C-alpha atoms as a PDB file:
ATOM      1  CA  MET A   1     235.385  86.196 210.763  1.00  0.00           C
ATOM      2  CA  SER A   2     238.479  84.921 212.600  1.00  0.00           C
ATOM      3  CA  LEU A   3     240.487  86.584 215.357  1.00  0.00           C
ATOM      4  CA  ARG A   4     243.714  88.511 214.804  1.00  0.00           C
ATOM      5  CA  PRO A   5     246.434  89.957 217.085  1.00  0.00           C
ATOM      6  CA  GLY A   6     245.453  93.339 218.540  1.00  0.00           C
ATOM      7  CA  GLN A   7     241.759  92.816 217.898  1.00  0.00           C
ATOM      8  CA  ARG A   8     239.370  93.858 220.685  1.00  0.00           C
ATOM      9  CA  VAL A   9     236.457  91.528 221.328  1.00  0.00           C
ATOM     10  CA  GLY A  10     234.266  92.907 224.085  1.00  0.00           C
ATOM     11  CA  PRO A  11     236.517  93.302 227.123  1.00  0.00           C
ATOM     12  CA  TYR A  12     239.231  91.074 225.603  1.00  0.00           C
ATOM     13  CA  VAL A  13     242.274  92.140 223.569  1.00  0.00           C
ATOM     14  CA  VAL A  14     243.696  89.354 221.398  1.00  0.00           C
ATOM     15  CA  ASP A  15     247.449  88.741 221.706  1.00  0.00           C
ATOM     16  CA  ASP A  16     248.564  85.740 219.661  1.00  0.00           C
ATOM     17  CA  LEU A  17     247.623  82.301 218.379  1.00  0.00           C
ATOM     18  CA  LEU A  18     248.221  79.472 220.839  1.00  0.00           C
ATOM     19  CA  GLY A  19     247.208  76.599 218.583  1.00  0.00           C
ATOM     20  CA  ALA A  20     244.821  75.407 215.909  1.00  0.00           C
ATOM     21  CA  GLY A  21     242.981  72.158 215.295  1.00  0.00           C
ATOM     22  CA  GLY A  22     240.667  70.831 212.656  1.00  0.00           C
ATOM     23  CA  MET A  23     237.580  72.515 214.069  1.00  0.00           C
ATOM     24  CA  ALA A  24     238.802  75.495 216.118  1.00  0.00           C
ATOM     25  CA  SER A  25     241.717  77.758 216.968  1.00  0.00           C
ATOM     26  CA  VAL A  26     242.780  78.989 220.414  1.00  0.00           C
ATOM     27  CA  TRP A  27     244.099  82.500 221.045  1.00  0.00           C
ATOM     28  CA  ARG A  28     245.805  84.137 223.994  1.00  0.00           C
ATOM     29  CA  ALA A  29     244.041  87.342 225.044  1.00  0.00           C
ATOM     30  CA  ARG A  30     243.992  89.858 227.896  1.00  0.00           C
ATOM     31  CA  ASP A  31     240.901  90.688 229.913  1.00  0.00           C
ATOM     32  CA  ASP A  32     240.981  94.500 230.159  1.00  0.00           C
ATOM     33  CA  ARG A  33     238.775  94.450 233.248  1.00  0.00           C
ATOM     34  CA  ASN A  34     241.390  92.802 235.448  1.00  0.00           C
ATOM     35  CA  GLY A  35     244.510  92.408 233.273  1.00  0.00           C
ATOM     36  CA  GLN A  36     244.369  88.613 233.436  1.00  0.00           C
ATOM     37  CA  GLN A  37     245.417  86.394 230.542  1.00  0.00           C
ATOM     38  CA  VAL A  38     242.729  84.132 229.069  1.00  0.00           C
ATOM     39  CA  ALA A  39     242.370  81.666 226.206  1.00  0.00           C
ATOM     40  CA  ILE A  40     239.688  82.229 223.566  1.00  0.00           C
ATOM     41  CA  LYS A  41     238.578  79.264 221.492  1.00  0.00           C
ATOM     42  CA  VAL A  42     236.844  80.145 218.227  1.00  0.00           C
ATOM     43  CA  MET A  43     235.463  77.850 215.550  1.00  0.00           C
ATOM     44  CA  VAL A  44     237.391  77.816 212.269  1.00  0.00           C
ATOM     45  CA  GLU A  45     235.762  80.198 209.812  1.00  0.00           C
ATOM     46  CA  MET A  46     235.612  77.686 206.965  1.00  0.00           C
ATOM     47  CA  PHE A  47     233.046  75.695 208.953  1.00  0.00           C
ATOM     48  CA  ALA A  48     230.678  78.624 209.470  1.00  0.00           C
ATOM     49  CA  ASP A  49     228.119  77.097 207.104  1.00  0.00           C
ATOM     50  CA  ASP A  50     228.540  73.528 208.352  1.00  0.00           C
ATOM     51  CA  GLU A  51     225.538  72.993 210.616  1.00  0.00           C
ATOM     52  CA  GLN A  52     226.860  69.744 212.076  1.00  0.00           C
ATOM     53  CA  ILE A  53     230.242  71.169 213.098  1.00  0.00           C
ATOM     54  CA  THR A  54     228.652  74.373 214.397  1.00  0.00           C
ATOM     55  CA  ALA A  55     226.235  72.289 216.474  1.00  0.00           C
ATOM     56  CA  ARG A  56     229.135  70.198 217.818  1.00  0.00           C
ATOM     57  CA  PHE A  57     231.076  73.317 218.827  1.00  0.00           C
ATOM     58  CA  ILE A  58     228.012  74.741 220.596  1.00  0.00           C
ATOM     59  CA  ASP A  59     227.530  71.381 222.318  1.00  0.00           C
ATOM     60  CA  GLU A  60     231.111  71.630 223.589  1.00  0.00           C
ATOM     61  CA  VAL A  61     230.550  75.143 224.903  1.00  0.00           C
ATOM     62  CA  LYS A  62     227.396  74.115 226.766  1.00  0.00           C
ATOM     63  CA  ARG A  63     228.871  70.897 228.116  1.00  0.00           C
ATOM     64  CA  HIS A  64     232.215  72.362 229.166  1.00  0.00           C
ATOM     65  CA  ALA A  65     230.614  75.416 230.792  1.00  0.00           C
ATOM     66  CA  GLN A  66     228.641  73.255 233.222  1.00  0.00           C
ATOM     67  CA  LEU A  67     231.760  71.496 234.548  1.00  0.00           C
ATOM     68  CA  ARG A  68     233.280  73.122 237.633  1.00  0.00           C
ATOM     69  CA  HIS A  69     236.224  71.170 238.986  1.00  0.00           C
ATOM     70  CA  PRO A  70     239.728  72.150 240.190  1.00  0.00           C
ATOM     71  CA  ASN A  71     241.301  70.001 237.464  1.00  0.00           C
ATOM     72  CA  ILE A  72     239.104  71.012 234.521  1.00  0.00           C
ATOM     73  CA  VAL A  73     239.932  74.199 232.617  1.00  0.00           C
ATOM     74  CA  ALA A  74     237.190  76.666 233.595  1.00  0.00           C
ATOM     75  CA  VAL A  75     234.969  78.433 231.060  1.00  0.00           C
ATOM     76  CA  ARG A  76     234.648  82.151 231.875  1.00  0.00           C
ATOM     77  CA  ASP A  77     232.535  83.570 229.065  1.00  0.00           C
ATOM     78  CA  VAL A  78     230.720  82.735 225.830  1.00  0.00           C
ATOM     79  CA  PHE A  79     230.049  85.093 222.912  1.00  0.00           C
ATOM     80  CA  SER A  80     230.197  85.222 219.109  1.00  0.00           C
ATOM     81  CA  VAL A  81     232.393  87.128 216.650  1.00  0.00           C
ATOM     82  CA  GLY A  82     230.919  87.708 213.220  1.00  0.00           C
ATOM     83  CA  GLY A  83     228.491  84.903 213.862  1.00  0.00           C
ATOM     84  CA  MET A  84     231.269  82.509 214.969  1.00  0.00           C
ATOM     85  CA  PRO A  85     230.800  81.049 218.473  1.00  0.00           C
ATOM     86  CA  CYS A  86     233.651  81.677 220.933  1.00  0.00           C
ATOM     87  CA  MET A  87     234.475  80.285 224.359  1.00  0.00           C
ATOM     88  CA  VAL A  88     236.692  82.117 226.875  1.00  0.00           C
ATOM     89  CA  MET A  89     238.650  79.868 229.243  1.00  0.00           C
ATOM     90  CA  ASP A  90     241.260  80.184 231.950  1.00  0.00           C
ATOM     91  CA  LEU A  91     244.758  80.268 230.463  1.00  0.00           C
ATOM     92  CA  VAL A  92     246.939  77.454 231.833  1.00  0.00           C
ATOM     93  CA  PRO A  93     250.540  78.698 231.477  1.00  0.00           C
ATOM     94  CA  GLY A  94     252.665  75.538 231.397  1.00  0.00           C
ATOM     95  CA  GLY A  95     251.753  74.042 228.032  1.00  0.00           C
ATOM     96  CA  SER A  96     250.463  70.510 227.531  1.00  0.00           C
ATOM     97  CA  LEU A  97     251.614  67.123 228.760  1.00  0.00           C
ATOM     98  CA  ALA A  98     252.504  66.353 225.127  1.00  0.00           C
ATOM     99  CA  THR A  99     254.889  69.322 225.065  1.00  0.00           C
ATOM    100  CA  ALA A 100     256.376  68.295 228.420  1.00  0.00           C
ATOM    101  CA  LEU A 101     257.000  64.761 227.145  1.00  0.00           C
ATOM    102  CA  ASP A 102     258.635  66.056 223.964  1.00  0.00           C
ATOM    103  CA  ALA A 103     261.026  68.093 226.127  1.00  0.00           C
ATOM    104  CA  SER A 104     261.857  65.200 228.482  1.00  0.00           C
ATOM    105  CA  PRO A 105     264.675  62.637 228.036  1.00  0.00           C
ATOM    106  CA  GLY A 106     263.258  59.602 226.279  1.00  0.00           C
ATOM    107  CA  ARG A 107     259.863  61.401 226.054  1.00  0.00           C
ATOM    108  CA  ARG A 108     258.953  60.055 229.476  1.00  0.00           C
ATOM    109  CA  LEU A 109     258.528  61.304 233.020  1.00  0.00           C
ATOM    110  CA  PRO A 110     259.673  59.583 236.211  1.00  0.00           C
ATOM    111  CA  MET A 111     256.974  58.017 238.379  1.00  0.00           C
ATOM    112  CA  SER A 112     257.329  60.755 240.988  1.00  0.00           C
ATOM    113  CA  ALA A 113     256.433  63.420 238.407  1.00  0.00           C
ATOM    114  CA  ALA A 114     253.912  61.426 236.351  1.00  0.00           C
ATOM    115  CA  LEU A 115     251.627  60.058 239.065  1.00  0.00           C
ATOM    116  CA  PRO A 116     250.452  63.399 240.549  1.00  0.00           C
ATOM    117  CA  LEU A 117     249.569  64.657 237.056  1.00  0.00           C
ATOM    118  CA  VAL A 118     247.726  61.475 236.123  1.00  0.00           C
ATOM    119  CA  LYS A 119     245.826  61.530 239.411  1.00  0.00           C
ATOM    120  CA  ASP A 120     244.711  65.118 238.705  1.00  0.00           C
ATOM    121  CA  VAL A 121     243.276  64.036 235.348  1.00  0.00           C
ATOM    122  CA  LEU A 122     241.647  60.944 236.846  1.00  0.00           C
ATOM    123  CA  ALA A 123     239.920  63.190 239.396  1.00  0.00           C
ATOM    124  CA  ALA A 124     238.667  65.461 236.595  1.00  0.00           C
ATOM    125  CA  LEU A 125     237.362  62.500 234.588  1.00  0.00           C
ATOM    126  CA  ASP A 126     235.668  60.952 237.609  1.00  0.00           C
ATOM    127  CA  TYR A 127     233.829  64.236 238.172  1.00  0.00           C
ATOM    128  CA  ALA A 128     232.796  64.458 234.491  1.00  0.00           C
ATOM    129  CA  HIS A 129     231.616  60.850 234.536  1.00  0.00           C
ATOM    130  CA  ARG A 130     229.496  61.491 237.614  1.00  0.00           C
ATOM    131  CA  LYS A 131     227.977  64.379 235.650  1.00  0.00           C
ATOM    132  CA  GLY A 132     227.147  61.916 232.869  1.00  0.00           C
ATOM    133  CA  ILE A 133     229.830  63.114 230.423  1.00  0.00           C
ATOM    134  CA  VAL A 134     232.381  60.908 228.621  1.00  0.00           C
ATOM    135  CA  HIS A 135     235.337  62.905 227.272  1.00  0.00           C
ATOM    136  CA  ARG A 136     236.194  60.588 224.321  1.00  0.00           C
ATOM    137  CA  ASP A 137     239.470  62.375 223.470  1.00  0.00           C
ATOM    138  CA  VAL A 138     241.771  62.015 226.471  1.00  0.00           C
ATOM    139  CA  LYS A 139     245.352  62.445 225.258  1.00  0.00           C
ATOM    140  CA  PRO A 140     248.537  64.294 226.321  1.00  0.00           C
ATOM    141  CA  SER A 141     247.774  67.368 224.176  1.00  0.00           C
ATOM    142  CA  ASN A 142     244.429  67.805 225.978  1.00  0.00           C
ATOM    143  CA  ILE A 143     246.091  67.735 229.404  1.00  0.00           C
ATOM    144  CA  LEU A 144     247.442  71.165 230.384  1.00  0.00           C
ATOM    145  CA  LEU A 145     250.083  71.790 233.058  1.00  0.00           C
ATOM    146  CA  ASP A 146     251.140  74.609 235.340  1.00  0.00           C
ATOM    147  CA  GLU A 147     254.538  76.222 234.835  1.00  0.00           C
ATOM    148  CA  ARG A 148     256.297  73.860 237.253  1.00  0.00           C
ATOM    149  CA  HIS A 149     254.524  70.781 235.823  1.00  0.00           C
ATOM    150  CA  GLN A 150     253.161  69.812 239.222  1.00  0.00           C
ATOM    151  CA  HIS A 151     249.421  70.099 238.499  1.00  0.00           C
ATOM    152  CA  ALA A 152     247.241  69.137 235.525  1.00  0.00           C
ATOM    153  CA  TRP A 153     243.954  70.290 234.015  1.00  0.00           C
ATOM    154  CA  LEU A 154     241.761  68.449 231.528  1.00  0.00           C
ATOM    155  CA  SER A 155     240.678  70.461 228.492  1.00  0.00           C
ATOM    156  CA  ASP A 156     238.965  70.170 225.086  1.00  0.00           C
ATOM    157  CA  PHE A 157     235.529  68.618 225.416  1.00  0.00           C
ATOM    158  CA  GLY A 158     235.002  69.039 221.659  1.00  0.00           C
ATOM    159  CA  ILE A 159     233.843  65.455 221.065  1.00  0.00           C
ATOM    160  CA  ALA A 160     232.649  64.689 224.584  1.00  0.00           C
ATOM    161  CA  LEU A 161     229.309  62.916 224.781  1.00  0.00           C
ATOM    162  CA  GLY A 162     226.629  62.898 227.423  1.00  0.00           C
ATOM    163  CA  ILE A 163     225.616  59.363 228.354  1.00  0.00           C
ATOM    164  CA  GLY A 164     222.458  58.531 226.437  1.00  0.00           C
ATOM    165  CA  GLU A 165     222.940  61.587 224.210  1.00  0.00           C
ATOM    166  CA  LYS A 166     222.538  61.376 220.444  1.00  0.00           C
ATOM    167  CA  ARG A 167     225.811  61.442 218.491  1.00  0.00           C
ATOM    168  CA  ARG A 168     226.547  64.319 216.128  1.00  0.00           C
ATOM    169  CA  THR A 169     228.596  62.011 213.898  1.00  0.00           C
ATOM    170  CA  ARG A 170     227.078  59.581 211.412  1.00  0.00           C
ATOM    171  CA  ALA A 171     226.215  56.094 212.645  1.00  0.00           C
ATOM    172  CA  GLY A 172     229.204  53.753 212.332  1.00  0.00           C
ATOM    173  CA  VAL A 173     231.767  56.589 212.226  1.00  0.00           C
ATOM    174  CA  SER A 174     234.334  56.629 215.044  1.00  0.00           C
ATOM    175  CA  VAL A 175     235.784  59.841 216.455  1.00  0.00           C
ATOM    176  CA  GLY A 176     238.851  60.340 218.627  1.00  0.00           C
ATOM    177  CA  THR A 177     242.633  60.193 218.338  1.00  0.00           C
ATOM    178  CA  ASN A 178     244.137  56.971 216.970  1.00  0.00           C
ATOM    179  CA  ALA A 179     246.728  56.287 219.653  1.00  0.00           C
ATOM    180  CA  TYR A 180     244.280  56.626 222.567  1.00  0.00           C
ATOM    181  CA  MET A 181     240.945  55.230 221.315  1.00  0.00           C
ATOM    182  CA  SER A 182     239.271  52.325 223.081  1.00  0.00           C
ATOM    183  CA  PRO A 183     238.227  49.279 221.027  1.00  0.00           C
ATOM    184  CA  GLU A 184     234.529  50.060 221.487  1.00  0.00           C
ATOM    185  CA  GLN A 185     235.132  53.658 220.427  1.00  0.00           C
ATOM    186  CA  ILE A 186     236.876  52.463 217.259  1.00  0.00           C
ATOM    187  CA  ARG A 187     233.928  50.189 216.488  1.00  0.00           C
ATOM    188  CA  ALA A 188     231.592  53.196 216.963  1.00  0.00           C
ATOM    189  CA  GLU A 189     229.638  51.289 219.599  1.00  0.00           C
ATOM    190  CA  ALA A 190     227.829  52.769 222.574  1.00  0.00           C
ATOM    191  CA  ILE A 191     230.462  53.832 225.091  1.00  0.00           C
ATOM    192  CA  ASP A 192     230.594  54.800 228.751  1.00  0.00           C
ATOM    193  CA  PHE A 193     233.196  55.959 231.293  1.00  0.00           C
ATOM    194  CA  ARG A 194     235.273  52.811 230.720  1.00  0.00           C
ATOM    195  CA  SER A 195     236.325  54.169 227.326  1.00  0.00           C
ATOM    196  CA  ASP A 196     238.030  57.085 229.106  1.00  0.00           C
ATOM    197  CA  VAL A 197     239.650  54.569 231.489  1.00  0.00           C
ATOM    198  CA  TYR A 198     241.232  52.892 228.454  1.00  0.00           C
ATOM    199  CA  SER A 199     242.434  56.241 227.085  1.00  0.00           C
ATOM    200  CA  MET A 200     243.971  57.119 230.453  1.00  0.00           C
ATOM    201  CA  GLY A 201     245.727  53.758 230.404  1.00  0.00           C
ATOM    202  CA  CYS A 202     247.237  54.791 227.059  1.00  0.00           C
ATOM    203  CA  VAL A 203     248.251  58.187 228.451  1.00  0.00           C
ATOM    204  CA  LEU A 204     249.894  56.703 231.554  1.00  0.00           C
ATOM    205  CA  TYR A 205     251.640  54.082 229.396  1.00  0.00           C
ATOM    206  CA  GLU A 206     253.103  56.811 227.179  1.00  0.00           C
ATOM    207  CA  THR A 207     254.016  59.097 230.081  1.00  0.00           C
ATOM    208  CA  LEU A 208     256.082  56.357 231.738  1.00  0.00           C
ATOM    209  CA  THR A 209     257.553  54.612 228.659  1.00  0.00           C
ATOM    210  CA  GLY A 210     257.907  57.410 226.100  1.00  0.00           C
ATOM    211  CA  GLN A 211     255.448  56.057 223.546  1.00  0.00           C
ATOM    212  CA  PRO A 212     251.796  54.971 223.352  1.00  0.00           C
ATOM    213  CA  PRO A 213     250.892  51.261 223.564  1.00  0.00           C
ATOM    214  CA  PHE A 214     250.589  51.023 219.777  1.00  0.00           C
ATOM    215  CA  VAL A 215     252.738  52.977 217.347  1.00  0.00           C
ATOM    216  CA  ALA A 216     252.159  53.286 213.602  1.00  0.00           C
ATOM    217  CA  PRO A 217     254.690  51.590 211.328  1.00  0.00           C
ATOM    218  CA  GLU A 218     256.546  53.598 208.706  1.00  0.00           C
ATOM    219  CA  ALA A 219     253.799  53.907 206.117  1.00  0.00           C
ATOM    220  CA  GLY A 220     251.387  56.353 204.563  1.00  0.00           C
ATOM    221  CA  PRO A 221     248.969  58.170 206.887  1.00  0.00           C
ATOM    222  CA  ASP A 222     245.934  56.077 205.939  1.00  0.00           C
ATOM    223  CA  SER A 223     247.629  52.711 206.354  1.00  0.00           C
ATOM    224  CA  ALA A 224     249.337  53.892 209.566  1.00  0.00           C
ATOM    225  CA  ARG A 225     245.979  54.907 211.043  1.00  0.00           C
ATOM    226  CA  THR A 226     244.477  51.576 210.021  1.00  0.00           C
ATOM    227  CA  ALA A 227     247.377  49.672 211.612  1.00  0.00           C
ATOM    228  CA  VAL A 228     247.082  51.491 214.946  1.00  0.00           C
ATOM    229  CA  LEU A 229     243.310  51.081 215.123  1.00  0.00           C
ATOM    230  CA  ALA A 230     243.604  47.384 214.240  1.00  0.00           C
ATOM    231  CA  ALA A 231     246.182  46.930 217.005  1.00  0.00           C
ATOM    232  CA  HIS A 232     243.817  48.455 219.572  1.00  0.00           C
ATOM    233  CA  LEU A 233     241.191  45.941 218.473  1.00  0.00           C
ATOM    234  CA  ARG A 234     243.227  42.733 218.367  1.00  0.00           C
ATOM    235  CA  ASP A 235     246.766  43.051 219.821  1.00  0.00           C
ATOM    236  CA  GLU A 236     248.054  42.902 223.372  1.00  0.00           C
ATOM    237  CA  PRO A 237     250.415  45.798 224.080  1.00  0.00           C
ATOM    238  CA  MET A 238     253.882  45.101 225.384  1.00  0.00           C
ATOM    239  CA  PRO A 239     253.757  45.431 229.199  1.00  0.00           C
ATOM    240  CA  PRO A 240     255.123  48.854 230.194  1.00  0.00           C
ATOM    241  CA  ARG A 241     257.747  47.288 232.462  1.00  0.00           C
ATOM    242  CA  ARG A 242     259.294  45.528 229.451  1.00  0.00           C
ATOM    243  CA  ARG A 243     259.760  48.911 227.749  1.00  0.00           C
ATOM    244  CA  GLU A 244     261.030  50.690 230.853  1.00  0.00           C
ATOM    245  CA  ALA A 245     262.479  48.527 233.624  1.00  0.00           C
ATOM    246  CA  SER A 246     262.111  51.256 236.281  1.00  0.00           C
ATOM    247  CA  ILE A 247     258.294  50.930 236.202  1.00  0.00           C
ATOM    248  CA  PRO A 248     257.236  48.841 239.212  1.00  0.00           C
ATOM    249  CA  ALA A 249     255.534  45.550 238.385  1.00  0.00           C
ATOM    250  CA  PRO A 250     252.269  46.454 240.202  1.00  0.00           C
ATOM    251  CA  VAL A 251     251.968  49.725 238.244  1.00  0.00           C
ATOM    252  CA  SER A 252     252.707  47.934 234.968  1.00  0.00           C
ATOM    253  CA  ALA A 253     250.022  45.345 235.748  1.00  0.00           C
ATOM    254  CA  LEU A 254     247.490  48.080 236.577  1.00  0.00           C
ATOM    255  CA  ILE A 255     248.124  49.815 233.244  1.00  0.00           C
ATOM    256  CA  MET A 256     247.601  46.515 231.430  1.00  0.00           C
ATOM    257  CA  GLN A 257     244.294  46.083 233.257  1.00  0.00           C
ATOM    258  CA  ALA A 258     243.190  49.551 232.147  1.00  0.00           C
ATOM    259  CA  LEU A 259     244.017  48.505 228.572  1.00  0.00           C
ATOM    260  CA  ALA A 260     241.836  45.379 228.583  1.00  0.00           C
ATOM    261  CA  LYS A 261     239.936  44.969 225.298  1.00  0.00           C
ATOM    262  CA  ASP A 262     236.766  44.033 227.173  1.00  0.00           C
ATOM    263  CA  PRO A 263     235.447  47.064 229.115  1.00  0.00           C
ATOM    264  CA  ALA A 264     234.131  44.724 231.826  1.00  0.00           C
ATOM    265  CA  LEU A 265     237.699  43.626 232.614  1.00  0.00           C
ATOM    266  CA  ARG A 266     239.121  47.134 232.998  1.00  0.00           C
ATOM    267  CA  VAL A 267     239.638  49.145 236.147  1.00  0.00           C
ATOM    268  CA  ALA A 268     236.164  49.991 237.455  1.00  0.00           C
ATOM    269  CA  GLY A 269     236.256  53.769 236.991  1.00  0.00           C
ATOM    270  CA  CYS A 270     238.710  56.643 237.271  1.00  0.00           C
ATOM    271  CA  ALA A 271     238.363  57.050 241.045  1.00  0.00           C
ATOM    272  CA  GLU A 272     239.235  53.369 241.431  1.00  0.00           C
ATOM    273  CA  PHE A 273     242.086  53.794 238.933  1.00  0.00           C
ATOM    274  CA  SER A 274     243.521  56.559 241.130  1.00  0.00           C
ATOM    275  CA  ARG A 275     243.133  54.495 244.304  1.00  0.00           C
ATOM    276  CA  LEU A 276     244.783  51.443 242.745  1.00  0.00           C
ATOM    277  CA  LEU A 277     247.578  53.613 241.380  1.00  0.00           C
ATOM    278  CA  ASP A 278     248.371  54.780 244.908  1.00  0.00           C
ATOM    279  CA  ALA A 279     248.171  51.229 246.218  1.00  0.00           C
ATOM    280  CA  SER A 280     250.387  49.886 243.416  1.00  0.00           C
ATOM    281  CA  ALA A 281     253.025  52.556 243.953  1.00  0.00           C
ATOM    282  CA  THR A 282     252.988  51.887 247.696  1.00  0.00           C
ATOM    283  CA  ALA A 283     253.225  48.123 247.205  1.00  0.00           C
ATOM    284  CA  ALA A 284     256.137  48.625 244.849  1.00  0.00           C
ATOM    285  CA  ASN A 285     258.068  50.443 247.572  1.00  0.00           C
ATOM    286  CA  ARG A 286     257.517  47.871 250.325  1.00  0.00           C
ATOM    287  CA  PRO A 287     259.819  45.082 249.055  1.00  0.00           C
ATOM    288  CA  ARG A 288     262.588  47.587 248.515  1.00  0.00           C
ATOM    289  CA  SER A 289     262.182  48.910 252.071  1.00  0.00           C
ATOM    290  CA  ARG A 290     262.338  45.379 253.500  1.00  0.00           C
ATOM    291  CA  TRP A 291     265.384  44.609 251.379  1.00  0.00           C
ATOM    292  CA  TRP A 292     267.204  47.669 252.684  1.00  0.00           C
ATOM    293  CA  LEU A 293     266.246  46.773 256.253  1.00  0.00           C
ATOM    294  CA  ALA A 294     267.517  43.215 255.839  1.00  0.00           C
ATOM    295  CA  ALA A 295     270.692  44.447 254.159  1.00  0.00           C
ATOM    296  CA  SER A 296     271.291  46.982 256.925  1.00  0.00           C
ATOM    297  CA  ILE A 297     270.841  44.346 259.643  1.00  0.00           C
ATOM    298  CA  ALA A 298     273.193  41.978 257.813  1.00  0.00           C
ATOM    299  CA  LEU A 299     275.800  44.722 257.447  1.00  0.00           C
ATOM    300  CA  ILE A 300     275.604  45.679 261.123  1.00  0.00           C
ATOM    301  CA  ALA A 301     275.915  42.028 262.111  1.00  0.00           C
ATOM    302  CA  ALA A 302     278.953  41.555 259.850  1.00  0.00           C
ATOM    303  CA  VAL A 303     280.663  44.633 261.295  1.00  0.00           C
ATOM    304  CA  ALA A 304     279.933  43.443 264.832  1.00  0.00           C
ATOM    305  CA  ILE A 305     281.383  39.999 264.124  1.00  0.00           C
ATOM    306  CA  ALA A 306     284.486  41.566 262.581  1.00  0.00           C
ATOM    307  CA  LEU A 307     284.985  43.805 265.625  1.00  0.00           C
ATOM    308  CA  ILE A 308     284.586  40.874 267.983  1.00  0.00           C
ATOM    309  CA  ALA A 309     287.123  38.894 265.957  1.00  0.00           C
ATOM    310  CA  LEU A 310     289.624  41.763 266.027  1.00  0.00           C
ATOM    311  CA  MET A 311     289.188  42.149 269.780  1.00  0.00           C
ATOM    312  CA  ALA A 312     289.786  38.427 270.254  1.00  0.00           C
ATOM    313  CA  LEU A 313     292.988  38.623 268.206  1.00  0.00           C
ATOM    314  CA  GLY A 314     294.110  41.592 270.226  1.00  0.00           C
END
């Protein structure tokens, strides 16, 4: 049994469909107890008899419900409809980062707008990592924004994995989204928080340049997927600064470090990523400030010399 507009489920009245993925759909609903809008995620009905997918959805519910952080979408309630598990979450009104990029010139955001959002997500991931959870599917569509696009929340822990936890997928099968998967994730190896660091490097790269580090060539879906995954494994991405000259060199270098093929060479965690991002942005501003100071002094000196010369002529 799926949801439908106007349907009442406990204290919730379903409004409309917000989106649908391969495993679940998300509906906007109203909580009759307080009038607040919520989002209800329900597993797709066609998978009702698939024990593996049902178990994965229940894993997500349990894992997500235990995470309480200002930048992680909060789970309010859990119930079932016609035997289908459902999860009630806070409704974030501003859409996703993916939608914001699609609506922006060149599909990119300026540094001043991008960095606060990225830092919000890095804080959420650092918290999840300290709880022993690796997200495994960090991407713009799983990053939700407020209406003014000033704050971000991490969502969709559908394929998240607890460190040391047994996978629900078959051995040797990788899961994730092509454009944002770490090399070790593609190889279906054991992963840790550094895989999410790589994915956040991809997200920041795309947010500042307008496209992910590796883009599929014009080809069929299977060969395009293969090409992108192969690029993650073997190719060096073009430095972000070469795609968009306004990106400061220190920030571009930090993104490239986050995208290192070897996890040991990446930024050492999301908290450190956030700290280095601040430091890189600050360092990028210093030379410009000194240049303006030197230019201002030179201009004042030139004006003074000109005035002195005019007075001498007079």
